[in-house]
C-alpha cells in the first residue's frame, strides 16, 4: 500500500499531496470485471491529474488492479504504450503482476485513448 500512495506522483514528477479523503471508489475484481468500471477509474485518475491533483490508487495487494489503473493513466498521459508504462511502474513497484483480465483492460484503455499520430 505504501508504494501505491505516491506511485503516479513519482513517475509524473508531481508534488506529494496533502492527506484528504474524497470517498470516490471504483471497485472491480482482479478477474472478470466490468470494463466500464475500470475505464471510469482511469478516467477519474486522468481528470484529477489534469486538474493538478494527486490521487491515491490502491487495491488489496497493490500488484494488479492499482497497477493496471496506474499503468493506463501513465501511458495515456505520457503518450507511450502500455508495455512502456508498465516498465515505468515496475521501476517503483517491481512486484506488480496484473491479472490477464486487468492487463487486457489496461491495454484496451491505452489503445482507445491514445492517438496513433
PDB file of N, CA and C in Angstrom:
ATOM      1  N   UNK A   1       0.825  -1.194   0.000  1.00  0.00           N
ATOM      2  CA  UNK A   1       0.000   0.000   0.000  1.00  0.00           C
ATOM      3  C   UNK A   1       0.869   1.257   0.000  1.00  0.00           C
ATOM      4  N   UNK A   2       1.943   1.256   0.755  1.00  0.00           N
ATOM      5  CA  UNK A   2       2.818   2.418   0.836  1.00  0.00           C
ATOM      6  C   UNK A   2       3.288   2.857  -0.544  1.00  0.00           C
ATOM      7  N   UNK A   3       3.629   1.886  -1.397  1.00  0.00           N
ATOM      8  CA  UNK A   3       4.108   2.215  -2.730  1.00  0.00           C
ATOM      9  C   UNK A   3       3.030   2.832  -3.596  1.00  0.00           C
ATOM     10  N   UNK A   4       1.793   2.379  -3.447  1.00  0.00           N
ATOM     11  CA  UNK A   4       0.706   2.880  -4.278  1.00  0.00           C
ATOM     12  C   UNK A   4       0.444   4.354  -4.048  1.00  0.00           C
ATOM     13  N   UNK A   5       0.681   4.822  -2.832  1.00  0.00           N
ATOM     14  CA  UNK A   5       0.301   6.172  -2.447  1.00  0.00           C
ATOM     15  C   UNK A   5       0.883   7.237  -3.357  1.00  0.00           C
ATOM     16  N   UNK A   6       2.140   7.140  -3.668  1.00  0.00           N
ATOM     17  CA  UNK A   6       2.759   8.205  -4.450  1.00  0.00           C
ATOM     18  C   UNK A   6       3.299   7.720  -5.790  1.00  0.00           C
ATOM     19  N   UNK A   7       2.846   6.564  -6.253  1.00  0.00           N
ATOM     20  CA  UNK A   7       3.372   5.986  -7.478  1.00  0.00           C
ATOM     21  C   UNK A   7       3.198   6.920  -8.668  1.00  0.00           C
ATOM     22  N   UNK A   8       1.998   7.388  -8.901  1.00  0.00           N
ATOM     23  CA  UNK A   8       1.794   8.287 -10.037  1.00  0.00           C
ATOM     24  C   UNK A   8       2.521   9.599  -9.796  1.00  0.00           C
ATOM     25  N   UNK A   9       2.508  10.110  -8.579  1.00  0.00           N
ATOM     26  CA  UNK A   9       3.190  11.361  -8.280  1.00  0.00           C
ATOM     27  C   UNK A   9       4.673  11.263  -8.600  1.00  0.00           C
ATOM     28  N   UNK A  10       5.292  10.163  -8.254  1.00  0.00           N
ATOM     29  CA  UNK A  10       6.714   9.993  -8.502  1.00  0.00           C
ATOM     30  C   UNK A  10       6.990   9.881  -9.993  1.00  0.00           C
ATOM     31  N   UNK A  11       6.268   9.042 -10.680  1.00  0.00           N
ATOM     32  CA  UNK A  11       6.524   8.822 -12.097  1.00  0.00           C
ATOM     33  C   UNK A  11       6.264  10.079 -12.909  1.00  0.00           C
ATOM     34  N   UNK A  12       5.236  10.815 -12.571  1.00  0.00           N
ATOM     35  CA  UNK A  12       4.907  12.033 -13.316  1.00  0.00           C
ATOM     36  C   UNK A  12       5.575  13.271 -12.732  1.00  0.00           C
ATOM     37  N   UNK A  13       6.436  13.084 -11.734  1.00  0.00           N
ATOM     38  CA  UNK A  13       7.193  14.168 -11.119  1.00  0.00           C
ATOM     39  C   UNK A  13       6.271  15.254 -10.547  1.00  0.00           C
ATOM     40  N   UNK A  14       5.256  14.818  -9.805  1.00  0.00           N
ATOM     41  CA  UNK A  14       4.330  15.739  -9.159  1.00  0.00           C
ATOM     42  C   UNK A  14       4.701  15.886  -7.694  1.00  0.00           C
ATOM     43  N   UNK A  15       4.246  16.957  -7.080  1.00  0.00           N
ATOM     44  CA  UNK A  15       4.462  17.109  -5.650  1.00  0.00           C
ATOM     45  C   UNK A  15       3.591  16.123  -4.890  1.00  0.00           C
ATOM     46  N   UNK A  16       4.049  15.710  -3.715  1.00  0.00           N
ATOM     47  CA  UNK A  16       3.255  14.804  -2.901  1.00  0.00           C
ATOM     48  C   UNK A  16       2.062  15.560  -2.322  1.00  0.00           C
ATOM     49  N   UNK A  17       0.911  14.913  -2.294  1.00  0.00           N
ATOM     50  CA  UNK A  17      -0.316  15.592  -1.864  1.00  0.00           C
ATOM     51  C   UNK A  17      -0.450  15.666  -0.358  1.00  0.00           C
ATOM     52  N   UNK A  18      -1.290  16.601   0.061  1.00  0.00           N
ATOM     53  CA  UNK A  18      -1.717  16.595   1.454  1.00  0.00           C
ATOM     54  C   UNK A  18      -2.754  15.493   1.584  1.00  0.00           C
ATOM     55  N   UNK A  19      -2.888  14.956   2.806  1.00  0.00           N
ATOM     56  CA  UNK A  19      -3.866  13.893   3.015  1.00  0.00           C
ATOM     57  C   UNK A  19      -5.278  14.448   2.925  1.00  0.00           C
ATOM     58  N   UNK A  20      -6.103  13.766   2.131  1.00  0.00           N
ATOM     59  CA  UNK A  20      -7.521  14.104   2.025  1.00  0.00           C
ATOM     60  C   UNK A  20      -8.303  12.813   1.858  1.00  0.00           C
ATOM     61  N   UNK A  21      -9.566  12.906   2.049  1.00  0.00           N
ATOM     62  CA  UNK A  21     -10.431  11.762   1.816  1.00  0.00           C
ATOM     63  C   UNK A  21     -11.598  12.243   0.987  1.00  0.00           C
ATOM     64  N   UNK A  22     -11.775  11.655  -0.189  1.00  0.00           N
ATOM     65  CA  UNK A  22     -12.893  12.063  -1.036  1.00  0.00           C
ATOM     66  C   UNK A  22     -14.004  11.034  -1.048  1.00  0.00           C
ATOM     67  N   UNK A  23     -13.669   9.802  -0.747  1.00  0.00           N
ATOM     68  CA  UNK A  23     -14.688   8.767  -0.760  1.00  0.00           C
ATOM     69  C   UNK A  23     -14.997   8.226  -2.139  1.00  0.00           C
ATOM     70  N   UNK A  24     -14.290   8.697  -3.160  1.00  0.00           N
ATOM     71  CA  UNK A  24     -14.521   8.181  -4.503  1.00  0.00           C
ATOM     72  C   UNK A  24     -13.959   6.772  -4.596  1.00  0.00           C
ATOM     73  N   UNK A  25     -14.746   5.867  -5.146  1.00  0.00           N
ATOM     74  CA  UNK A  25     -14.321   4.479  -5.242  1.00  0.00           C
ATOM     75  C   UNK A  25     -14.780   3.873  -6.560  1.00  0.00           C
ATOM     76  N   UNK A  26     -13.907   3.069  -7.096  1.00  0.00           N
ATOM     77  CA  UNK A  26     -14.225   2.284  -8.280  1.00  0.00           C
ATOM     78  C   UNK A  26     -13.803   0.863  -7.949  1.00  0.00           C
ATOM     79  N   UNK A  27     -14.765   0.029  -7.684  1.00  0.00           N
ATOM     80  CA  UNK A  27     -14.476  -1.316  -7.200  1.00  0.00           C
ATOM     81  C   UNK A  27     -14.726  -2.325  -8.314  1.00  0.00           C
ATOM     82  N   UNK A  28     -13.720  -3.155  -8.577  1.00  0.00           N
ATOM     83  CA  UNK A  28     -13.855  -4.227  -9.552  1.00  0.00           C
ATOM     84  C   UNK A  28     -12.879  -5.333  -9.164  1.00  0.00           C
ATOM     85  N   UNK A  29     -13.207  -6.585  -9.501  1.00  0.00           N
ATOM     86  CA  UNK A  29     -12.339  -7.713  -9.120  1.00  0.00           C
ATOM     87  C   UNK A  29     -11.134  -7.835 -10.048  1.00  0.00           C
ATOM     88  N   UNK A  30     -10.153  -8.616  -9.605  1.00  0.00           N
ATOM     89  CA  UNK A  30      -8.972  -8.889 -10.426  1.00  0.00           C
ATOM     90  C   UNK A  30      -9.293  -9.753 -11.635  1.00  0.00           C
ATOM     91  N   UNK A  31     -10.272 -10.594 -11.509  1.00  0.00           N
ATOM     92  CA  UNK A  31     -10.633 -11.495 -12.603  1.00  0.00           C
ATOM     93  C   UNK A  31     -11.580 -10.809 -13.566  1.00  0.00           C
ATOM     94  N   UNK A  32     -12.527 -11.559 -14.095  1.00  0.00           N
ATOM     95  CA  UNK A  32     -13.506 -10.957 -14.997  1.00  0.00           C
ATOM     96  C   UNK A  32     -14.199  -9.775 -14.311  1.00  0.00           C
ATOM     97  N   UNK A  33     -14.274  -8.676 -15.019  1.00  0.00           N
ATOM     98  CA  UNK A  33     -14.842  -7.456 -14.427  1.00  0.00           C
ATOM     99  C   UNK A  33     -15.513  -6.625 -15.513  1.00  0.00           C
ATOM    100  N   UNK A  34     -16.229  -5.638 -15.074  1.00  0.00           N
ATOM    101  CA  UNK A  34     -16.924  -4.715 -15.954  1.00  0.00           C
ATOM    102  C   UNK A  34     -15.900  -3.685 -16.438  1.00  0.00           C
ATOM    103  N   UNK A  35     -15.549  -3.733 -17.726  1.00  0.00           N
ATOM    104  CA  UNK A  35     -14.552  -2.804 -18.262  1.00  0.00           C
ATOM    105  C   UNK A  35     -14.934  -1.357 -17.984  1.00  0.00           C
ATOM    106  N   UNK A  36     -16.203  -1.051 -17.993  1.00  0.00           N
ATOM    107  CA  UNK A  36     -16.637   0.333 -17.792  1.00  0.00           C
ATOM    108  C   UNK A  36     -16.220   0.866 -16.421  1.00  0.00           C
ATOM    109  N   UNK A  37     -16.158   0.005 -15.411  1.00  0.00           N
ATOM    110  CA  UNK A  37     -15.711   0.458 -14.080  1.00  0.00           C
ATOM    111  C   UNK A  37     -14.208   0.715 -14.114  1.00  0.00           C
ATOM    112  N   UNK A  38     -13.447  -0.168 -14.746  1.00  0.00           N
ATOM    113  CA  UNK A  38     -12.010   0.065 -14.916  1.00  0.00           C
ATOM    114  C   UNK A  38     -11.790   1.389 -15.657  1.00  0.00           C
ATOM    115  N   UNK A  39     -12.511   1.561 -16.744  1.00  0.00           N
ATOM    116  CA  UNK A  39     -12.408   2.779 -17.545  1.00  0.00           C
ATOM    117  C   UNK A  39     -12.731   4.019 -16.711  1.00  0.00           C
ATOM    118  N   UNK A  40     -13.778   3.944 -15.899  1.00  0.00           N
ATOM    119  CA  UNK A  40     -14.159   5.075 -15.048  1.00  0.00           C
ATOM    120  C   UNK A  40     -13.060   5.393 -14.045  1.00  0.00           C
ATOM    121  N   UNK A  41     -12.396   4.368 -13.517  1.00  0.00           N
ATOM    122  CA  UNK A  41     -11.307   4.591 -12.557  1.00  0.00           C
ATOM    123  C   UNK A  41     -10.151   5.331 -13.215  1.00  0.00           C
ATOM    124  N   UNK A  42      -9.795   4.922 -14.427  1.00  0.00           N
ATOM    125  CA  UNK A  42      -8.697   5.598 -15.131  1.00  0.00           C
ATOM    126  C   UNK A  42      -9.130   6.994 -15.563  1.00  0.00           C
ATOM    127  N   UNK A  43     -10.352   7.137 -16.057  1.00  0.00           N
ATOM    128  CA  UNK A  43     -10.859   8.464 -16.426  1.00  0.00           C
ATOM    129  C   UNK A  43     -10.801   9.420 -15.242  1.00  0.00           C
ATOM    130  N   UNK A  44     -11.233   8.945 -14.079  1.00  0.00           N
ATOM    131  CA  UNK A  44     -11.206   9.774 -12.878  1.00  0.00           C
ATOM    132  C   UNK A  44      -9.769  10.162 -12.532  1.00  0.00           C
ATOM    133  N   UNK A  45      -8.868   9.217 -12.650  1.00  0.00           N
ATOM    134  CA  UNK A  45      -7.457   9.491 -12.393  1.00  0.00           C
ATOM    135  C   UNK A  45      -6.964  10.578 -13.333  1.00  0.00           C
ATOM    136  N   UNK A  46      -7.296  10.474 -14.597  1.00  0.00           N
ATOM    137  CA  UNK A  46      -6.855  11.463 -15.588  1.00  0.00           C
ATOM    138  C   UNK A  46      -7.418  12.851 -15.281  1.00  0.00           C
ATOM    139  N   UNK A  47      -8.686  12.919 -14.897  1.00  0.00           N
ATOM    140  CA  UNK A  47      -9.295  14.209 -14.548  1.00  0.00           C
ATOM    141  C   UNK A  47      -8.565  14.825 -13.358  1.00  0.00           C
ATOM    142  N   UNK A  48      -8.304  14.025 -12.337  1.00  0.00           N
ATOM    143  CA  UNK A  48      -7.592  14.534 -11.163  1.00  0.00           C
ATOM    144  C   UNK A  48      -6.218  15.077 -11.541  1.00  0.00           C
ATOM    145  N   UNK A  49      -5.503  14.325 -12.346  1.00  0.00           N
ATOM    146  CA  UNK A  49      -4.174  14.772 -12.769  1.00  0.00           C
ATOM    147  C   UNK A  49      -4.259  16.028 -13.624  1.00  0.00           C
ATOM    148  N   UNK A  50      -5.236  16.086 -14.528  1.00  0.00           N
ATOM    149  CA  UNK A  50      -5.416  17.266 -15.381  1.00  0.00           C
ATOM    150  C   UNK A  50      -5.734  18.505 -14.554  1.00  0.00           C
ATOM    151  N   UNK A  51      -6.370  18.317 -13.414  1.00  0.00           N
ATOM    152  CA  UNK A  51      -6.703  19.439 -12.527  1.00  0.00           C
ATOM    153  C   UNK A  51      -5.553  19.784 -11.584  1.00  0.00           C
ATOM    154  N   UNK A  52      -4.444  19.078 -11.705  1.00  0.00           N
ATOM    155  CA  UNK A  52      -3.290  19.343 -10.854  1.00  0.00           C
ATOM    156  C   UNK A  52      -3.351  18.649  -9.508  1.00  0.00           C
ATOM    157  N   UNK A  53      -4.291  17.747  -9.354  1.00  0.00           N
ATOM    158  CA  UNK A  53      -4.410  16.998  -8.106  1.00  0.00           C
ATOM    159  C   UNK A  53      -3.576  15.731  -8.168  1.00  0.00           C
ATOM    160  N   UNK A  54      -3.283  15.184  -7.025  1.00  0.00           N
ATOM    161  CA  UNK A  54      -2.640  13.887  -6.932  1.00  0.00           C
ATOM    162  C   UNK A  54      -3.663  12.937  -6.355  1.00  0.00           C
ATOM    163  N   UNK A  55      -3.598  11.693  -6.775  1.00  0.00           N
ATOM    164  CA  UNK A  55      -4.639  10.739  -6.419  1.00  0.00           C
ATOM    165  C   UNK A  55      -4.012   9.475  -5.837  1.00  0.00           C
ATOM    166  N   UNK A  56      -4.674   8.920  -4.866  1.00  0.00           N
ATOM    167  CA  UNK A  56      -4.274   7.637  -4.284  1.00  0.00           C
ATOM    168  C   UNK A  56      -5.021   6.534  -5.023  1.00  0.00           C
ATOM    169  N   UNK A  57      -4.268   5.594  -5.543  1.00  0.00           N
ATOM    170  CA  UNK A  57      -4.859   4.442  -6.216  1.00  0.00           C
ATOM    171  C   UNK A  57      -4.390   3.218  -5.458  1.00  0.00           C
ATOM    172  N   UNK A  58      -5.336   2.440  -4.975  1.00  0.00           N
ATOM    173  CA  UNK A  58      -4.928   1.269  -4.199  1.00  0.00           C
ATOM    174  C   UNK A  58      -5.875   0.110  -4.451  1.00  0.00           C
ATOM    175  N   UNK A  59      -5.357  -1.064  -4.169  1.00  0.00           N
ATOM    176  CA  UNK A  59      -6.147  -2.277  -4.164  1.00  0.00           C
ATOM    177  C   UNK A  59      -5.621  -3.118  -3.007  1.00  0.00           C
ATOM    178  N   UNK A  60      -6.115  -4.286  -2.848  1.00  0.00           N
ATOM    179  CA  UNK A  60      -5.764  -5.078  -1.673  1.00  0.00           C
ATOM    180  C   UNK A  60      -4.265  -5.343  -1.562  1.00  0.00           C
ATOM    181  N   UNK A  61      -3.630  -5.770  -2.627  1.00  0.00           N
ATOM    182  CA  UNK A  61      -2.208  -6.119  -2.558  1.00  0.00           C
ATOM    183  C   UNK A  61      -1.304  -5.131  -3.295  1.00  0.00           C
ATOM    184  N   UNK A  62      -1.882  -4.243  -4.075  1.00  0.00           N
ATOM    185  CA  UNK A  62      -1.075  -3.269  -4.804  1.00  0.00           C
ATOM    186  C   UNK A  62      -0.269  -3.862  -5.945  1.00  0.00           C
ATOM    187  N   UNK A  63      -0.760  -4.949  -6.539  1.00  0.00           N
ATOM    188  CA  UNK A  63       0.001  -5.576  -7.610  1.00  0.00           C
ATOM    189  C   UNK A  63      -0.781  -5.753  -8.914  1.00  0.00           C
ATOM    190  N   UNK A  64      -2.089  -5.703  -8.887  1.00  0.00           N
ATOM    191  CA  UNK A  64      -2.862  -5.981 -10.097  1.00  0.00           C
ATOM    192  C   UNK A  64      -3.759  -4.809 -10.488  1.00  0.00           C
ATOM    193  N   UNK A  65      -4.839  -4.597  -9.750  1.00  0.00           N
ATOM    194  CA  UNK A  65      -5.801  -3.563 -10.137  1.00  0.00           C
ATOM    195  C   UNK A  65      -5.196  -2.170 -10.088  1.00  0.00           C
ATOM    196  N   UNK A  66      -4.546  -1.822  -9.000  1.00  0.00           N
ATOM    197  CA  UNK A  66      -3.939  -0.488  -8.910  1.00  0.00           C
ATOM    198  C   UNK A  66      -2.834  -0.328  -9.947  1.00  0.00           C
ATOM    199  N   UNK A  67      -2.082  -1.403 -10.186  1.00  0.00           N
ATOM    200  CA  UNK A  67      -1.026  -1.349 -11.199  1.00  0.00           C
ATOM    201  C   UNK A  67      -1.614  -1.111 -12.590  1.00  0.00           C
ATOM    202  N   UNK A  68      -2.740  -1.752 -12.875  1.00  0.00           N
ATOM    203  CA  UNK A  68      -3.381  -1.568 -14.171  1.00  0.00           C
ATOM    204  C   UNK A  68      -3.877  -0.152 -14.374  1.00  0.00           C
ATOM    205  N   UNK A  69      -4.527   0.400 -13.360  1.00  0.00           N
ATOM    206  CA  UNK A  69      -5.038   1.771 -13.460  1.00  0.00           C
ATOM    207  C   UNK A  69      -3.879   2.757 -13.589  1.00  0.00           C
ATOM    208  N   UNK A  70      -2.854   2.600 -12.759  1.00  0.00           N
ATOM    209  CA  UNK A  70      -1.682   3.485 -12.833  1.00  0.00           C
ATOM    210  C   UNK A  70      -1.004   3.387 -14.195  1.00  0.00           C
ATOM    211  N   UNK A  71      -0.830   2.167 -14.674  1.00  0.00           N
ATOM    212  CA  UNK A  71      -0.171   1.961 -15.959  1.00  0.00           C
ATOM    213  C   UNK A  71      -0.948   2.623 -17.089  1.00  0.00           C
ATOM    214  N   UNK A  72      -2.257   2.446 -17.095  1.00  0.00           N
ATOM    215  CA  UNK A  72      -3.086   3.050 -18.145  1.00  0.00           C
ATOM    216  C   UNK A  72      -2.998   4.572 -18.099  1.00  0.00           C
ATOM    217  N   UNK A  73      -3.096   5.146 -16.907  1.00  0.00           N
ATOM    218  CA  UNK A  73      -3.040   6.603 -16.782  1.00  0.00           C
ATOM    219  C   UNK A  73      -1.685   7.148 -17.222  1.00  0.00           C
ATOM    220  N   UNK A  74      -0.626   6.498 -16.813  1.00  0.00           N
ATOM    221  CA  UNK A  74       0.717   6.953 -17.183  1.00  0.00           C
ATOM    222  C   UNK A  74       0.927   6.843 -18.693  1.00  0.00           C
ATOM    223  N   UNK A  75       0.488   5.729 -19.271  1.00  0.00           N
ATOM    224  CA  UNK A  75       0.656   5.542 -20.718  1.00  0.00           C
ATOM    225  C   UNK A  75      -0.043   6.646 -21.501  1.00  0.00           C
ATOM    226  N   UNK A  76      -1.290   6.911 -21.165  1.00  0.00           N
ATOM    227  CA  UNK A  76      -2.046   7.929 -21.889  1.00  0.00           C
ATOM    228  C   UNK A  76      -1.456   9.314 -21.633  1.00  0.00           C
ATOM    229  N   UNK A  77      -1.156   9.594 -20.404  1.00  0.00           N
ATOM    230  CA  UNK A  77      -0.629  10.922 -20.045  1.00  0.00           C
ATOM    231  C   UNK A  77       0.718  11.190 -20.727  1.00  0.00           C
ATOM    232  N   UNK A  78       1.544  10.171 -20.847  1.00  0.00           N
ATOM    233  CA  UNK A  78       2.868  10.369 -21.437  1.00  0.00           C
ATOM    234  C   UNK A  78       2.934   9.985 -22.915  1.00  0.00           C
ATOM    235  N   UNK A  79       1.825   9.505 -23.469  1.00  0.00           N
ATOM    236  CA  UNK A  79       1.792   9.161 -24.883  1.00  0.00           C
ATOM    237  C   UNK A  79       2.672   7.974 -25.241  1.00  0.00           C
ATOM    238  N   UNK A  80       2.725   7.007 -24.335  1.00  0.00           N
ATOM    239  CA  UNK A  80       3.525   5.807 -24.570  1.00  0.00           C
ATOM    240  C   UNK A  80       2.611   4.587 -24.548  1.00  0.00           C
ATOM    241  N   UNK A  81       3.129   3.442 -24.982  1.00  0.00           N
ATOM    242  CA  UNK A  81       2.272   2.255 -24.975  1.00  0.00           C
ATOM    243  C   UNK A  81       2.238   1.623 -23.580  1.00  0.00           C
ATOM    244  N   UNK A  82       1.333   0.669 -23.413  1.00  0.00           N
ATOM    245  CA  UNK A  82       1.109   0.051 -22.101  1.00  0.00           C
ATOM    246  C   UNK A  82       2.359  -0.658 -21.591  1.00  0.00           C
ATOM    247  N   UNK A  83       3.101  -1.311 -22.471  1.00  0.00           N
ATOM    248  CA  UNK A  83       4.309  -2.009 -22.026  1.00  0.00           C
ATOM    249  C   UNK A  83       5.367  -1.036 -21.505  1.00  0.00           C
ATOM    250  N   UNK A  84       5.524   0.093 -22.177  1.00  0.00           N
ATOM    251  CA  UNK A  84       6.485   1.096 -21.712  1.00  0.00           C
ATOM    252  C   UNK A  84       6.056   1.671 -20.362  1.00  0.00           C
ATOM    253  N   UNK A  85       4.768   1.923 -20.209  1.00  0.00           N
ATOM    254  CA  UNK A  85       4.266   2.450 -18.936  1.00  0.00           C
ATOM    255  C   UNK A  85       4.433   1.420 -17.826  1.00  0.00           C
ATOM    256  N   UNK A  86       4.196   0.159 -18.151  1.00  0.00           N
ATOM    257  CA  UNK A  86       4.371  -0.897 -17.145  1.00  0.00           C
ATOM    258  C   UNK A  86       5.817  -0.926 -16.659  1.00  0.00           C
ATOM    259  N   UNK A  87       6.766  -0.768 -17.561  1.00  0.00           N
ATOM    260  CA  UNK A  87       8.178  -0.735 -17.174  1.00  0.00           C
ATOM    261  C   UNK A  87       8.438   0.412 -16.203  1.00  0.00           C
ATOM    262  N   UNK A  88       7.820   1.564 -16.446  1.00  0.00           N
ATOM    263  CA  UNK A  88       7.980   2.701 -15.528  1.00  0.00           C
ATOM    264  C   UNK A  88       7.401   2.384 -14.152  1.00  0.00           C
ATOM    265  N   UNK A  89       6.241   1.764 -14.120  1.00  0.00           N
ATOM    266  CA  UNK A  89       5.624   1.401 -12.846  1.00  0.00           C
ATOM    267  C   UNK A  89       6.501   0.385 -12.120  1.00  0.00           C
ATOM    268  N   UNK A  90       7.016  -0.583 -12.859  1.00  0.00           N
ATOM    269  CA  UNK A  90       7.862  -1.623 -12.257  1.00  0.00           C
ATOM    270  C   UNK A  90       9.156  -1.064 -11.660  1.00  0.00           C
ATOM    271  N   UNK A  91       9.621   0.082 -12.151  1.00  0.00           N
ATOM    272  CA  UNK A  91      10.810   0.708 -11.570  1.00  0.00           C
ATOM    273  C   UNK A  91      10.574   1.070 -10.107  1.00  0.00           C
ATOM    274  N   UNK A  92       9.339   1.413  -9.782  1.00  0.00           N
ATOM    275  CA  UNK A  92       8.995   1.823  -8.423  1.00  0.00           C
ATOM    276  C   UNK A  92       8.288   0.732  -7.630  1.00  0.00           C
ATOM    277  N   UNK A  93       7.687  -0.213  -8.327  1.00  0.00           N
ATOM    278  CA  UNK A  93       6.940  -1.301  -7.682  1.00  0.00           C
ATOM    279  C   UNK A  93       7.217  -2.585  -8.456  1.00  0.00           C
ATOM    280  N   UNK A  94       8.403  -3.183  -8.259  1.00  0.00           N
ATOM    281  CA  UNK A  94       8.814  -4.329  -9.072  1.00  0.00           C
ATOM    282  C   UNK A  94       7.895  -5.542  -8.984  1.00  0.00           C
ATOM    283  N   UNK A  95       7.081  -5.650  -7.956  1.00  0.00           N
ATOM    284  CA  UNK A  95       6.268  -6.856  -7.792  1.00  0.00           C
ATOM    285  C   UNK A  95       4.900  -6.781  -8.458  1.00  0.00           C
ATOM    286  N   UNK A  96       4.653  -5.760  -9.284  1.00  0.00           N
ATOM    287  CA  UNK A  96       3.334  -5.712  -9.918  1.00  0.00           C
ATOM    288  C   UNK A  96       3.150  -6.939 -10.803  1.00  0.00           C
ATOM    289  N   UNK A  97       1.910  -7.377 -10.877  1.00  0.00           N
ATOM    290  CA  UNK A  97       1.578  -8.557 -11.661  1.00  0.00           C
ATOM    291  C   UNK A  97       0.090  -8.532 -11.995  1.00  0.00           C
ATOM    292  N   UNK A  98      -0.303  -7.643 -12.907  1.00  0.00           N
ATOM    293  CA  UNK A  98      -1.726  -7.575 -13.248  1.00  0.00           C
ATOM    294  C   UNK A  98      -2.231  -8.905 -13.802  1.00  0.00           C
ATOM    295  N   UNK A  99      -3.427  -9.284 -13.382  1.00  0.00           N
ATOM    296  CA  UNK A  99      -4.029 -10.489 -13.942  1.00  0.00           C
ATOM    297  C   UNK A  99      -4.256 -10.266 -15.437  1.00  0.00           C
ATOM    298  N   UNK A 100      -4.497 -11.346 -16.147  1.00  0.00           N
ATOM    299  CA  UNK A 100      -4.746 -11.250 -17.582  1.00  0.00           C
ATOM    300  C   UNK A 100      -5.904 -10.305 -17.867  1.00  0.00           C
ATOM    301  N   UNK A 101      -6.973 -10.409 -17.087  1.00  0.00           N
ATOM    302  CA  UNK A 101      -8.147  -9.562 -17.304  1.00  0.00           C
ATOM    303  C   UNK A 101      -7.828  -8.083 -17.076  1.00  0.00           C
ATOM    304  N   UNK A 102      -7.076  -7.793 -16.026  1.00  0.00           N
ATOM    305  CA  UNK A 102      -6.708  -6.395 -15.743  1.00  0.00           C
ATOM    306  C   UNK A 102      -5.773  -5.883 -16.822  1.00  0.00           C
ATOM    307  N   UNK A 103      -4.801  -6.691 -17.213  1.00  0.00           N
ATOM    308  CA  UNK A 103      -3.870  -6.254 -18.260  1.00  0.00           C
ATOM    309  C   UNK A 103      -4.614  -6.009 -19.575  1.00  0.00           C
ATOM    310  N   UNK A 104      -5.568  -6.859 -19.910  1.00  0.00           N
ATOM    311  CA  UNK A 104      -6.355  -6.646 -21.127  1.00  0.00           C
ATOM    312  C   UNK A 104      -7.119  -5.329 -21.070  1.00  0.00           C
ATOM    313  N   UNK A 105      -7.671  -4.995 -19.904  1.00  0.00           N
ATOM    314  CA  UNK A 105      -8.367  -3.716 -19.746  1.00  0.00           C
ATOM    315  C   UNK A 105      -7.388  -2.554 -19.850  1.00  0.00           C
ATOM    316  N   UNK A 106      -6.197  -2.724 -19.300  1.00  0.00           N
ATOM    317  CA  UNK A 106      -5.168  -1.675 -19.375  1.00  0.00           C
ATOM    318  C   UNK A 106      -4.809  -1.395 -20.827  1.00  0.00           C
ATOM    319  N   UNK A 107      -4.506  -2.441 -21.565  1.00  0.00           N
ATOM    320  CA  UNK A 107      -4.135  -2.287 -22.975  1.00  0.00           C
ATOM    321  C   UNK A 107      -5.295  -1.691 -23.773  1.00  0.00           C
ATOM    322  N   UNK A 108      -6.499  -2.164 -23.508  1.00  0.00           N
ATOM    323  CA  UNK A 108      -7.670  -1.630 -24.214  1.00  0.00           C
ATOM    324  C   UNK A 108      -7.824  -0.143 -23.945  1.00  0.00           C
ATOM    325  N   UNK A 109      -7.704   0.250 -22.679  1.00  0.00           N
ATOM    326  CA  UNK A 109      -7.850   1.673 -22.339  1.00  0.00           C
ATOM    327  C   UNK A 109      -6.795   2.508 -23.063  1.00  0.00           C
ATOM    328  N   UNK A 110      -5.567   2.055 -23.027  1.00  0.00           N
ATOM    329  CA  UNK A 110      -4.484   2.795 -23.682  1.00  0.00           C
ATOM    330  C   UNK A 110      -4.745   2.882 -25.183  1.00  0.00           C
ATOM    331  N   UNK A 111      -5.108   1.769 -25.792  1.00  0.00           N
ATOM    332  CA  UNK A 111      -5.383   1.763 -27.232  1.00  0.00           C
ATOM    333  C   UNK A 111      -6.523   2.706 -27.598  1.00  0.00           C
ATOM    334  N   UNK A 112      -7.551   2.759 -26.772  1.00  0.00           N
ATOM    335  CA  UNK A 112      -8.715   3.594 -27.069  1.00  0.00           C
ATOM    336  C   UNK A 112      -8.478   5.075 -26.769  1.00  0.00           C
ATOM    337  N   UNK A 113      -7.430   5.384 -26.011  1.00  0.00           N
ATOM    338  CA  UNK A 113      -7.247   6.758 -25.554  1.00  0.00           C
ATOM    339  C   UNK A 113      -5.929   7.397 -25.974  1.00  0.00           C
ATOM    340  N   UNK A 114      -5.235   6.763 -26.886  1.00  0.00           N
ATOM    341  CA  UNK A 114      -4.024   7.374 -27.423  1.00  0.00           C
ATOM    342  C   UNK A 114      -4.155   7.470 -28.930  1.00  0.00           C
ATOM    343  N   UNK A 115      -3.578   8.520 -29.462  1.00  0.00           N
ATOM    344  CA  UNK A 115      -3.655   8.691 -30.908  1.00  0.00           C
ATOM    345  C   UNK A 115      -2.497   7.958 -31.552  1.00  0.00           C
ATOM    346  N   UNK A 116      -2.683   7.545 -32.770  1.00  0.00           N
ATOM    347  CA  UNK A 116      -1.633   6.818 -33.484  1.00  0.00           C
ATOM    348  C   UNK A 116      -0.827   7.736 -34.396  1.00  0.00           C
ATOM    349  N   UNK A 117      -0.909   9.035 -34.149  1.00  0.00           N
ATOM    350  CA  UNK A 117      -0.166  10.000 -34.981  1.00  0.00           C
ATOM    351  C   UNK A 117       1.306   9.877 -34.801  1.00  0.00           C
TER     352      UNK A 117
END
